[in-house]
């Protein structure tokens, strides 16, 4: 288990879920040993709104579909979630 990764917020203070998806995709494709990896661990804290956590989970699960009828490419569909207390 590594130290993890963090994607900085946008200048307006919002979370950049598209950048997180891009980063997860690069990580998954960076080494052939990662190709079959399906799980990711996500740790939040009580101050982060639930909706942000769900958006983050969705950003890690798959890339957006390219067009109508196109299935999204799976990244890490098995998300393990925990909260720091």
PDB file of N, CA and C in Angstrom:
ATOM      1  N   UNK A   1       0.842  -1.169   0.000  1.00  0.00           N
ATOM      2  CA  UNK A   1       0.000   0.000   0.000  1.00  0.00           C
ATOM      3  C   UNK A   1       0.892   1.239   0.000  1.00  0.00           C
ATOM      4  N   UNK A   2       0.580   2.161  -0.867  1.00  0.00           N
ATOM      5  CA  UNK A   2       1.376   3.373  -0.972  1.00  0.00           C
ATOM      6  C   UNK A   2       0.770   4.515  -0.184  1.00  0.00           C
ATOM      7  N   UNK A   3       1.399   5.652  -0.318  1.00  0.00           N
ATOM      8  CA  UNK A   3       0.946   6.844   0.388  1.00  0.00           C
ATOM      9  C   UNK A   3      -0.342   7.391  -0.206  1.00  0.00           C
ATOM     10  N   UNK A   4      -0.670   6.975  -1.414  1.00  0.00           N
ATOM     11  CA  UNK A   4      -1.888   7.454  -2.054  1.00  0.00           C
ATOM     12  C   UNK A   4      -1.585   8.605  -2.982  1.00  0.00           C
ATOM     13  N   UNK A   5      -2.643   9.164  -3.521  1.00  0.00           N
ATOM     14  CA  UNK A   5      -2.468  10.300  -4.404  1.00  0.00           C
ATOM     15  C   UNK A   5      -3.523  11.327  -4.081  1.00  0.00           C
ATOM     16  N   UNK A   6      -3.224  12.549  -4.421  1.00  0.00           N
ATOM     17  CA  UNK A   6      -4.161  13.646  -4.192  1.00  0.00           C
ATOM     18  C   UNK A   6      -4.197  14.510  -5.437  1.00  0.00           C
ATOM     19  N   UNK A   7      -5.379  14.931  -5.785  1.00  0.00           N
ATOM     20  CA  UNK A   7      -5.564  15.843  -6.907  1.00  0.00           C
ATOM     21  C   UNK A   7      -5.973  17.178  -6.292  1.00  0.00           C
ATOM     22  N   UNK A   8      -5.237  18.237  -6.582  1.00  0.00           N
ATOM     23  CA  UNK A   8      -5.592  19.528  -5.976  1.00  0.00           C
ATOM     24  C   UNK A   8      -6.951  20.034  -6.454  1.00  0.00           C
ATOM     25  N   UNK A   9      -7.558  20.858  -5.617  1.00  0.00           N
ATOM     26  CA  UNK A   9      -8.827  21.476  -5.997  1.00  0.00           C
ATOM     27  C   UNK A   9      -8.579  22.492  -7.109  1.00  0.00           C
ATOM     28  N   UNK A  10      -9.644  22.825  -7.798  1.00  0.00           N
ATOM     29  CA  UNK A  10      -9.593  23.874  -8.824  1.00  0.00           C
ATOM     30  C   UNK A  10      -9.414  25.227  -8.133  1.00  0.00           C
ATOM     31  N   UNK A  11      -9.001  26.240  -8.882  1.00  0.00           N
ATOM     32  CA  UNK A  11      -8.831  27.570  -8.289  1.00  0.00           C
ATOM     33  C   UNK A  11     -10.089  28.104  -7.588  1.00  0.00           C
ATOM     34  N   UNK A  12     -11.274  27.673  -8.055  1.00  0.00           N
ATOM     35  CA  UNK A  12     -12.512  28.146  -7.427  1.00  0.00           C
ATOM     36  C   UNK A  12     -12.875  27.353  -6.170  1.00  0.00           C
ATOM     37  N   UNK A  13     -12.036  26.358  -5.803  1.00  0.00           N
ATOM     38  CA  UNK A  13     -12.263  25.571  -4.591  1.00  0.00           C
ATOM     39  C   UNK A  13     -13.063  24.305  -4.808  1.00  0.00           C
ATOM     40  N   UNK A  14     -13.542  24.060  -6.022  1.00  0.00           N
ATOM     41  CA  UNK A  14     -14.310  22.842  -6.295  1.00  0.00           C
ATOM     42  C   UNK A  14     -13.369  21.665  -6.543  1.00  0.00           C
ATOM     43  N   UNK A  15     -13.902  20.488  -6.373  1.00  0.00           N
ATOM     44  CA  UNK A  15     -13.117  19.276  -6.599  1.00  0.00           C
ATOM     45  C   UNK A  15     -13.047  18.970  -8.088  1.00  0.00           C
ATOM     46  N   UNK A  16     -11.879  18.558  -8.552  1.00  0.00           N
ATOM     47  CA  UNK A  16     -11.673  18.285  -9.975  1.00  0.00           C
ATOM     48  C   UNK A  16     -11.775  16.780 -10.225  1.00  0.00           C
ATOM     49  N   UNK A  17     -13.007  16.286 -10.318  1.00  0.00           N
ATOM     50  CA  UNK A  17     -13.218  14.855 -10.495  1.00  0.00           C
ATOM     51  C   UNK A  17     -12.746  14.363 -11.859  1.00  0.00           C
ATOM     52  N   UNK A  18     -12.820  15.201 -12.872  1.00  0.00           N
ATOM     53  CA  UNK A  18     -12.314  14.812 -14.198  1.00  0.00           C
ATOM     54  C   UNK A  18     -10.804  14.580 -14.130  1.00  0.00           C
ATOM     55  N   UNK A  19     -10.094  15.416 -13.411  1.00  0.00           N
ATOM     56  CA  UNK A  19      -8.645  15.256 -13.260  1.00  0.00           C
ATOM     57  C   UNK A  19      -8.331  13.994 -12.444  1.00  0.00           C
ATOM     58  N   UNK A  20      -9.173  13.686 -11.452  1.00  0.00           N
ATOM     59  CA  UNK A  20      -8.993  12.462 -10.669  1.00  0.00           C
ATOM     60  C   UNK A  20      -9.157  11.237 -11.560  1.00  0.00           C
ATOM     61  N   UNK A  21     -10.180  11.233 -12.413  1.00  0.00           N
ATOM     62  CA  UNK A  21     -10.390  10.127 -13.347  1.00  0.00           C
ATOM     63  C   UNK A  21      -9.197   9.993 -14.282  1.00  0.00           C
ATOM     64  N   UNK A  22      -8.706  11.113 -14.788  1.00  0.00           N
ATOM     65  CA  UNK A  22      -7.534  11.098 -15.678  1.00  0.00           C
ATOM     66  C   UNK A  22      -6.316  10.530 -14.964  1.00  0.00           C
ATOM     67  N   UNK A  23      -6.115  10.928 -13.721  1.00  0.00           N
ATOM     68  CA  UNK A  23      -4.981  10.443 -12.927  1.00  0.00           C
ATOM     69  C   UNK A  23      -5.117   8.942 -12.662  1.00  0.00           C
ATOM     70  N   UNK A  24      -6.322   8.484 -12.313  1.00  0.00           N
ATOM     71  CA  UNK A  24      -6.551   7.052 -12.059  1.00  0.00           C
ATOM     72  C   UNK A  24      -6.313   6.240 -13.328  1.00  0.00           C
ATOM     73  N   UNK A  25      -6.728   6.769 -14.460  1.00  0.00           N
ATOM     74  CA  UNK A  25      -6.526   6.084 -15.735  1.00  0.00           C
ATOM     75  C   UNK A  25      -5.042   5.973 -16.059  1.00  0.00           C
ATOM     76  N   UNK A  26      -4.301   7.058 -15.856  1.00  0.00           N
ATOM     77  CA  UNK A  26      -2.850   7.028 -16.099  1.00  0.00           C
ATOM     78  C   UNK A  26      -2.170   6.027 -15.174  1.00  0.00           C
ATOM     79  N   UNK A  27      -2.584   6.010 -13.919  1.00  0.00           N
ATOM     80  CA  UNK A  27      -2.007   5.071 -12.961  1.00  0.00           C
ATOM     81  C   UNK A  27      -2.281   3.633 -13.388  1.00  0.00           C
ATOM     82  N   UNK A  28      -3.524   3.328 -13.738  1.00  0.00           N
ATOM     83  CA  UNK A  28      -3.889   1.971 -14.145  1.00  0.00           C
ATOM     84  C   UNK A  28      -3.134   1.531 -15.393  1.00  0.00           C
ATOM     85  N   UNK A  29      -2.887   2.461 -16.314  1.00  0.00           N
ATOM     86  CA  UNK A  29      -2.208   2.137 -17.562  1.00  0.00           C
ATOM     87  C   UNK A  29      -0.691   2.293 -17.504  1.00  0.00           C
ATOM     88  N   UNK A  30      -0.168   2.678 -16.351  1.00  0.00           N
ATOM     89  CA  UNK A  30       1.271   2.941 -16.241  1.00  0.00           C
ATOM     90  C   UNK A  30       2.123   1.677 -16.149  1.00  0.00           C
ATOM     91  N   UNK A  31       1.480   0.560 -15.817  1.00  0.00           N
ATOM     92  CA  UNK A  31       2.232  -0.675 -15.640  1.00  0.00           C
ATOM     93  C   UNK A  31       1.308  -1.846 -15.981  1.00  0.00           C
ATOM     94  N   UNK A  32       1.788  -2.781 -16.758  1.00  0.00           N
ATOM     95  CA  UNK A  32       0.930  -3.912 -17.137  1.00  0.00           C
ATOM     96  C   UNK A  32       0.465  -4.730 -15.938  1.00  0.00           C
ATOM     97  N   UNK A  33       1.194  -4.670 -14.825  1.00  0.00           N
ATOM     98  CA  UNK A  33       0.777  -5.379 -13.613  1.00  0.00           C
ATOM     99  C   UNK A  33      -0.511  -4.803 -13.027  1.00  0.00           C
ATOM    100  N   UNK A  34      -0.843  -3.555 -13.372  1.00  0.00           N
ATOM    101  CA  UNK A  34      -2.035  -2.911 -12.837  1.00  0.00           C
ATOM    102  C   UNK A  34      -3.275  -3.173 -13.689  1.00  0.00           C
ATOM    103  N   UNK A  35      -3.108  -3.732 -14.865  1.00  0.00           N
ATOM    104  CA  UNK A  35      -4.211  -3.883 -15.823  1.00  0.00           C
ATOM    105  C   UNK A  35      -5.412  -4.633 -15.238  1.00  0.00           C
ATOM    106  N   UNK A  36      -5.166  -5.651 -14.414  1.00  0.00           N
ATOM    107  CA  UNK A  36      -6.257  -6.451 -13.858  1.00  0.00           C
ATOM    108  C   UNK A  36      -6.711  -5.971 -12.478  1.00  0.00           C
ATOM    109  N   UNK A  37      -6.098  -4.920 -11.977  1.00  0.00           N
ATOM    110  CA  UNK A  37      -6.472  -4.393 -10.656  1.00  0.00           C
ATOM    111  C   UNK A  37      -7.852  -3.757 -10.733  1.00  0.00           C
ATOM    112  N   UNK A  38      -8.730  -4.104  -9.803  1.00  0.00           N
ATOM    113  CA  UNK A  38     -10.081  -3.549  -9.813  1.00  0.00           C
ATOM    114  C   UNK A  38     -10.419  -2.787  -8.531  1.00  0.00           C
ATOM    115  N   UNK A  39      -9.579  -2.874  -7.519  1.00  0.00           N
ATOM    116  CA  UNK A  39      -9.940  -2.261  -6.245  1.00  0.00           C
ATOM    117  C   UNK A  39      -9.111  -1.017  -5.939  1.00  0.00           C
ATOM    118  N   UNK A  40      -9.751  -0.130  -5.212  1.00  0.00           N
ATOM    119  CA  UNK A  40      -9.114   1.095  -4.756  1.00  0.00           C
ATOM    120  C   UNK A  40      -9.657   1.385  -3.357  1.00  0.00           C
ATOM    121  N   UNK A  41      -8.817   1.946  -2.502  1.00  0.00           N
ATOM    122  CA  UNK A  41      -9.237   2.338  -1.151  1.00  0.00           C
ATOM    123  C   UNK A  41      -9.384   3.847  -1.102  1.00  0.00           C
ATOM    124  N   UNK A  42     -10.474   4.288  -0.552  1.00  0.00           N
ATOM    125  CA  UNK A  42     -10.771   5.713  -0.441  1.00  0.00           C
ATOM    126  C   UNK A  42     -11.058   6.022   1.016  1.00  0.00           C
ATOM    127  N   UNK A  43     -10.348   6.991   1.549  1.00  0.00           N
ATOM    128  CA  UNK A  43     -10.541   7.394   2.937  1.00  0.00           C
ATOM    129  C   UNK A  43     -10.989   8.842   2.973  1.00  0.00           C
ATOM    130  N   UNK A  44     -12.052   9.101   3.681  1.00  0.00           N
ATOM    131  CA  UNK A  44     -12.564  10.458   3.804  1.00  0.00           C
ATOM    132  C   UNK A  44     -12.539  10.900   5.249  1.00  0.00           C
ATOM    133  N   UNK A  45     -12.921  12.140   5.467  1.00  0.00           N
ATOM    134  CA  UNK A  45     -13.068  12.610   6.835  1.00  0.00           C
ATOM    135  C   UNK A  45     -14.473  13.184   6.994  1.00  0.00           C
ATOM    136  N   UNK A  46     -14.940  13.314   8.220  1.00  0.00           N
ATOM    137  CA  UNK A  46     -16.327  13.723   8.453  1.00  0.00           C
ATOM    138  C   UNK A  46     -16.701  15.087   7.862  1.00  0.00           C
ATOM    139  N   UNK A  47     -15.739  15.930   7.569  1.00  0.00           N
ATOM    140  CA  UNK A  47     -16.036  17.261   7.044  1.00  0.00           C
ATOM    141  C   UNK A  47     -16.379  17.256   5.548  1.00  0.00           C
ATOM    142  N   UNK A  48     -16.066  16.168   4.847  1.00  0.00           N
ATOM    143  CA  UNK A  48     -16.333  16.104   3.411  1.00  0.00           C
ATOM    144  C   UNK A  48     -17.789  15.687   3.198  1.00  0.00           C
ATOM    145  N   UNK A  49     -18.549  16.482   2.443  1.00  0.00           N
ATOM    146  CA  UNK A  49     -19.959  16.137   2.209  1.00  0.00           C
ATOM    147  C   UNK A  49     -20.105  14.780   1.507  1.00  0.00           C
ATOM    148  N   UNK A  50     -21.171  14.082   1.853  1.00  0.00           N
ATOM    149  CA  UNK A  50     -21.456  12.765   1.288  1.00  0.00           C
ATOM    150  C   UNK A  50     -21.498  12.823  -0.235  1.00  0.00           C
ATOM    151  N   UNK A  51     -22.101  13.857  -0.795  1.00  0.00           N
ATOM    152  CA  UNK A  51     -22.219  13.967  -2.257  1.00  0.00           C
ATOM    153  C   UNK A  51     -20.849  14.040  -2.925  1.00  0.00           C
ATOM    154  N   UNK A  52     -19.894  14.675  -2.281  1.00  0.00           N
ATOM    155  CA  UNK A  52     -18.529  14.754  -2.825  1.00  0.00           C
ATOM    156  C   UNK A  52     -17.887  13.374  -2.809  1.00  0.00           C
ATOM    157  N   UNK A  53     -18.135  12.604  -1.751  1.00  0.00           N
ATOM    158  CA  UNK A  53     -17.570  11.255  -1.674  1.00  0.00           C
ATOM    159  C   UNK A  53     -18.140  10.376  -2.787  1.00  0.00           C
ATOM    160  N   UNK A  54     -19.437  10.484  -3.048  1.00  0.00           N
ATOM    161  CA  UNK A  54     -20.057   9.687  -4.115  1.00  0.00           C
ATOM    162  C   UNK A  54     -19.493  10.092  -5.470  1.00  0.00           C
ATOM    163  N   UNK A  55     -19.329  11.387  -5.704  1.00  0.00           N
ATOM    164  CA  UNK A  55     -18.740  11.855  -6.959  1.00  0.00           C
ATOM    165  C   UNK A  55     -17.308  11.341  -7.114  1.00  0.00           C
ATOM    166  N   UNK A  56     -16.581  11.280  -6.011  1.00  0.00           N
ATOM    167  CA  UNK A  56     -15.205  10.779  -6.029  1.00  0.00           C
ATOM    168  C   UNK A  56     -15.177   9.288  -6.341  1.00  0.00           C
ATOM    169  N   UNK A  57     -16.070   8.540  -5.723  1.00  0.00           N
ATOM    170  CA  UNK A  57     -16.168   7.101  -5.998  1.00  0.00           C
ATOM    171  C   UNK A  57     -16.485   6.878  -7.475  1.00  0.00           C
ATOM    172  N   UNK A  58     -17.449   7.629  -7.994  1.00  0.00           N
ATOM    173  CA  UNK A  58     -17.806   7.501  -9.413  1.00  0.00           C
ATOM    174  C   UNK A  58     -16.621   7.847 -10.318  1.00  0.00           C
ATOM    175  N   UNK A  59     -15.842   8.849  -9.946  1.00  0.00           N
ATOM    176  CA  UNK A  59     -14.683   9.252 -10.753  1.00  0.00           C
ATOM    177  C   UNK A  59     -13.616   8.164 -10.785  1.00  0.00           C
ATOM    178  N   UNK A  60     -13.528   7.366  -9.722  1.00  0.00           N
ATOM    179  CA  UNK A  60     -12.528   6.296  -9.662  1.00  0.00           C
ATOM    180  C   UNK A  60     -13.006   5.005 -10.316  1.00  0.00           C
ATOM    181  N   UNK A  61     -14.295   4.814 -10.420  1.00  0.00           N
ATOM    182  CA  UNK A  61     -14.840   3.562 -10.955  1.00  0.00           C
ATOM    183  C   UNK A  61     -14.630   3.399 -12.453  1.00  0.00           C
ATOM    184  N   UNK A  62     -14.843   4.465 -13.211  1.00  0.00           N
ATOM    185  CA  UNK A  62     -14.753   4.328 -14.665  1.00  0.00           C
ATOM    186  C   UNK A  62     -14.533   5.668 -15.333  1.00  0.00           C
ATOM    187  N   UNK A  63     -14.012   5.589 -16.554  1.00  0.00           N
ATOM    188  CA  UNK A  63     -13.896   6.775 -17.390  1.00  0.00           C
ATOM    189  C   UNK A  63     -15.269   7.085 -17.963  1.00  0.00           C
ATOM    190  N   UNK A  64     -15.530   8.333 -18.304  1.00  0.00           N
ATOM    191  CA  UNK A  64     -16.825   8.640 -18.930  1.00  0.00           C
ATOM    192  C   UNK A  64     -16.945   7.961 -20.288  1.00  0.00           C
ATOM    193  N   UNK A  65     -18.167   7.636 -20.678  1.00  0.00           N
ATOM    194  CA  UNK A  65     -18.351   7.026 -21.995  1.00  0.00           C
ATOM    195  C   UNK A  65     -18.036   8.056 -23.072  1.00  0.00           C
ATOM    196  N   UNK A  66     -17.572   7.576 -24.196  1.00  0.00           N
ATOM    197  CA  UNK A  66     -17.144   8.453 -25.294  1.00  0.00           C
ATOM    198  C   UNK A  66     -18.318   8.954 -26.128  1.00  0.00           C
ATOM    199  N   UNK A  67     -19.420   8.227 -26.103  1.00  0.00           N
ATOM    200  CA  UNK A  67     -20.572   8.626 -26.892  1.00  0.00           C
ATOM    201  C   UNK A  67     -21.758   7.732 -26.599  1.00  0.00           C
ATOM    202  N   UNK A  68     -22.851   8.007 -27.239  1.00  0.00           N
ATOM    203  CA  UNK A  68     -24.062   7.233 -27.020  1.00  0.00           C
ATOM    204  C   UNK A  68     -23.843   5.770 -27.399  1.00  0.00           C
ATOM    205  N   UNK A  69     -24.222   4.873 -26.525  1.00  0.00           N
ATOM    206  CA  UNK A  69     -24.072   3.444 -26.776  1.00  0.00           C
ATOM    207  C   UNK A  69     -22.693   2.900 -26.422  1.00  0.00           C
ATOM    208  N   UNK A  70     -21.767   3.774 -26.105  1.00  0.00           N
ATOM    209  CA  UNK A  70     -20.405   3.361 -25.757  1.00  0.00           C
ATOM    210  C   UNK A  70     -20.352   3.020 -24.267  1.00  0.00           C
ATOM    211  N   UNK A  71     -19.811   1.865 -23.944  1.00  0.00           N
ATOM    212  CA  UNK A  71     -19.670   1.482 -22.543  1.00  0.00           C
ATOM    213  C   UNK A  71     -18.439   2.181 -21.961  1.00  0.00           C
ATOM    214  N   UNK A  72     -18.558   2.729 -20.749  1.00  0.00           N
ATOM    215  CA  UNK A  72     -17.394   3.369 -20.145  1.00  0.00           C
ATOM    216  C   UNK A  72     -16.317   2.338 -19.801  1.00  0.00           C
ATOM    217  N   UNK A  73     -15.070   2.734 -19.899  1.00  0.00           N
ATOM    218  CA  UNK A  73     -13.946   1.863 -19.560  1.00  0.00           C
ATOM    219  C   UNK A  73     -13.816   1.809 -18.043  1.00  0.00           C
ATOM    220  N   UNK A  74     -13.848   0.588 -17.490  1.00  0.00           N
ATOM    221  CA  UNK A  74     -13.710   0.431 -16.044  1.00  0.00           C
ATOM    222  C   UNK A  74     -12.293   0.754 -15.607  1.00  0.00           C
ATOM    223  N   UNK A  75     -12.187   1.433 -14.484  1.00  0.00           N
ATOM    224  CA  UNK A  75     -10.895   1.704 -13.874  1.00  0.00           C
ATOM    225  C   UNK A  75     -10.785   0.872 -12.598  1.00  0.00           C
ATOM    226  N   UNK A  76     -11.412   1.339 -11.529  1.00  0.00           N
ATOM    227  CA  UNK A  76     -11.372   0.650 -10.246  1.00  0.00           C
ATOM    228  C   UNK A  76     -12.814   0.530  -9.714  1.00  0.00           C
ATOM    229  N   UNK A  77     -13.577  -0.443 -10.221  1.00  0.00           N
ATOM    230  CA  UNK A  77     -14.983  -0.543  -9.851  1.00  0.00           C
ATOM    231  C   UNK A  77     -15.231  -1.016  -8.413  1.00  0.00           C
ATOM    232  N   UNK A  78     -14.230  -1.616  -7.787  1.00  0.00           N
ATOM    233  CA  UNK A  78     -14.384  -2.128  -6.419  1.00  0.00           C
ATOM    234  C   UNK A  78     -13.764  -1.129  -5.450  1.00  0.00           C
ATOM    235  N   UNK A  79     -14.611  -0.252  -4.928  1.00  0.00           N
ATOM    236  CA  UNK A  79     -14.135   0.826  -4.045  1.00  0.00           C
ATOM    237  C   UNK A  79     -14.345   0.429  -2.596  1.00  0.00           C
ATOM    238  N   UNK A  80     -13.271   0.457  -1.809  1.00  0.00           N
ATOM    239  CA  UNK A  80     -13.348   0.244  -0.367  1.00  0.00           C
ATOM    240  C   UNK A  80     -13.300   1.629   0.268  1.00  0.00           C
ATOM    241  N   UNK A  81     -14.324   1.944   1.038  1.00  0.00           N
ATOM    242  CA  UNK A  81     -14.467   3.279   1.597  1.00  0.00           C
ATOM    243  C   UNK A  81     -14.397   3.223   3.112  1.00  0.00           C
ATOM    244  N   UNK A  82     -13.680   4.165   3.710  1.00  0.00           N
ATOM    245  CA  UNK A  82     -13.627   4.278   5.164  1.00  0.00           C
ATOM    246  C   UNK A  82     -13.594   5.757   5.530  1.00  0.00           C
ATOM    247  N   UNK A  83     -13.936   6.031   6.768  1.00  0.00           N
ATOM    248  CA  UNK A  83     -13.944   7.399   7.276  1.00  0.00           C
ATOM    249  C   UNK A  83     -13.014   7.489   8.460  1.00  0.00           C
ATOM    250  N   UNK A  84     -12.172   8.514   8.452  1.00  0.00           N
ATOM    251  CA  UNK A  84     -11.269   8.779   9.573  1.00  0.00           C
ATOM    252  C   UNK A  84     -12.084   9.441  10.692  1.00  0.00           C
ATOM    253  N   UNK A  85     -11.889   8.965  11.885  1.00  0.00           N
ATOM    254  CA  UNK A  85     -12.599   9.572  13.035  1.00  0.00           C
ATOM    255  C   UNK A  85     -11.633  10.251  13.950  1.00  0.00           C
TER     256      UNK A  85
END
